[in-house]
Amino acid sequence: MCNNSVKIVLEIANNKHNIKAYEFPANVTDEGKIELPNAILQQLANNQKVKVIILVNESTEEEQ
C-alpha cells in the first residue's frame, strides 16, 4: 500500500452538513480497484455512502 500520509483538508460542520475531506496517495490495483489506507477505512462506517474526487497526474508530451 501507499505511504500512510493522510491529511484532513476540509472540515465543514453546521446544522445542515457535517463534511470531512481527506487527502492521501492511493494506487489502482490490477483489478481496477482503488486501495484506501487503513487510516481512512477506520474513519468510515460500513455501507457508508461517500463522494469521490479522483485527481491524476496527466503525462506531459515529453513523458509519452
Protein backbone atom coordinates (compact mmCIF):
# COMPACT_ATOMS: atom_id res chain seq x y z
CA MET A 1 0.00 0.00 0.00
CA CYS A 2 0.98 3.64 -0.40
CA ASN A 3 2.60 5.78 2.21
CA ASN A 4 0.37 6.47 5.21
CA SER A 5 0.26 10.24 4.77
CA VAL A 6 -3.41 11.09 5.35
CA LYS A 7 -4.48 14.71 5.80
CA ILE A 8 -7.87 16.23 6.58
CA VAL A 9 -8.04 19.04 4.03
CA LEU A 10 -11.57 20.31 4.70
CA GLU A 11 -13.98 20.16 7.60
CA ILE A 12 -17.49 21.64 7.49
CA ALA A 13 -19.88 21.32 10.39
CA ASN A 14 -23.13 23.24 10.58
CA ASN A 15 -26.80 22.48 11.11
CA LYS A 16 -27.17 21.08 7.55
CA HIS A 17 -23.88 19.31 6.83
CA ASN A 18 -21.04 17.52 8.54
CA ILE A 19 -18.37 17.02 5.91
CA LYS A 20 -14.71 15.99 6.04
CA ALA A 21 -12.43 15.78 3.02
CA TYR A 22 -9.30 13.62 3.21
CA GLU A 23 -6.22 13.75 1.01
CA PHE A 24 -3.98 10.72 0.61
CA PRO A 25 -2.00 8.89 -2.06
CA ALA A 26 -3.62 5.73 -3.45
CA ASN A 27 -3.00 3.04 -6.05
CA VAL A 28 -5.28 1.44 -8.61
CA THR A 29 -4.87 -2.34 -8.43
CA ASP A 30 -4.54 -4.68 -11.41
CA GLU A 31 -8.24 -5.44 -10.86
CA GLY A 32 -9.10 -1.73 -11.29
CA LYS A 33 -9.91 -1.07 -7.62
CA ILE A 34 -8.62 1.87 -5.59
CA GLU A 35 -6.79 0.88 -2.41
CA LEU A 36 -7.68 3.05 0.58
CA PRO A 37 -5.28 3.47 3.51
CA ASN A 38 -6.34 1.76 6.75
CA ALA A 39 -6.40 5.17 8.46
CA ILE A 40 -9.24 6.19 6.12
CA LEU A 41 -11.11 2.88 6.37
CA GLN A 42 -11.17 3.23 10.16
CA GLN A 43 -12.99 6.58 9.77
CA LEU A 44 -15.79 5.14 7.61
CA ALA A 45 -18.82 3.20 8.76
CA ASN A 46 -19.69 0.01 6.87
CA ASN A 47 -22.00 0.73 3.92
CA GLN A 48 -21.47 4.49 4.33
CA LYS A 49 -22.01 6.48 1.14
CA VAL A 50 -19.10 8.72 0.15
CA LYS A 51 -18.36 11.19 -2.64
CA VAL A 52 -15.12 10.57 -4.52
CA ILE A 53 -12.98 13.01 -6.47
CA ILE A 54 -10.01 11.48 -8.27
CA LEU A 55 -7.03 13.64 -9.19
CA VAL A 56 -4.45 12.14 -11.53
CA ASN A 57 -1.18 13.49 -12.84
CA GLU A 58 -1.50 13.84 -16.60
CA SER A 59 1.58 12.78 -18.51
CA THR A 60 3.27 15.52 -20.49
CA GLU A 61 4.27 15.19 -24.16
CA GLU A 62 7.86 14.65 -23.02
CA GLU A 63 6.83 11.64 -20.87
CA GLN A 64 4.89 9.96 -23.72
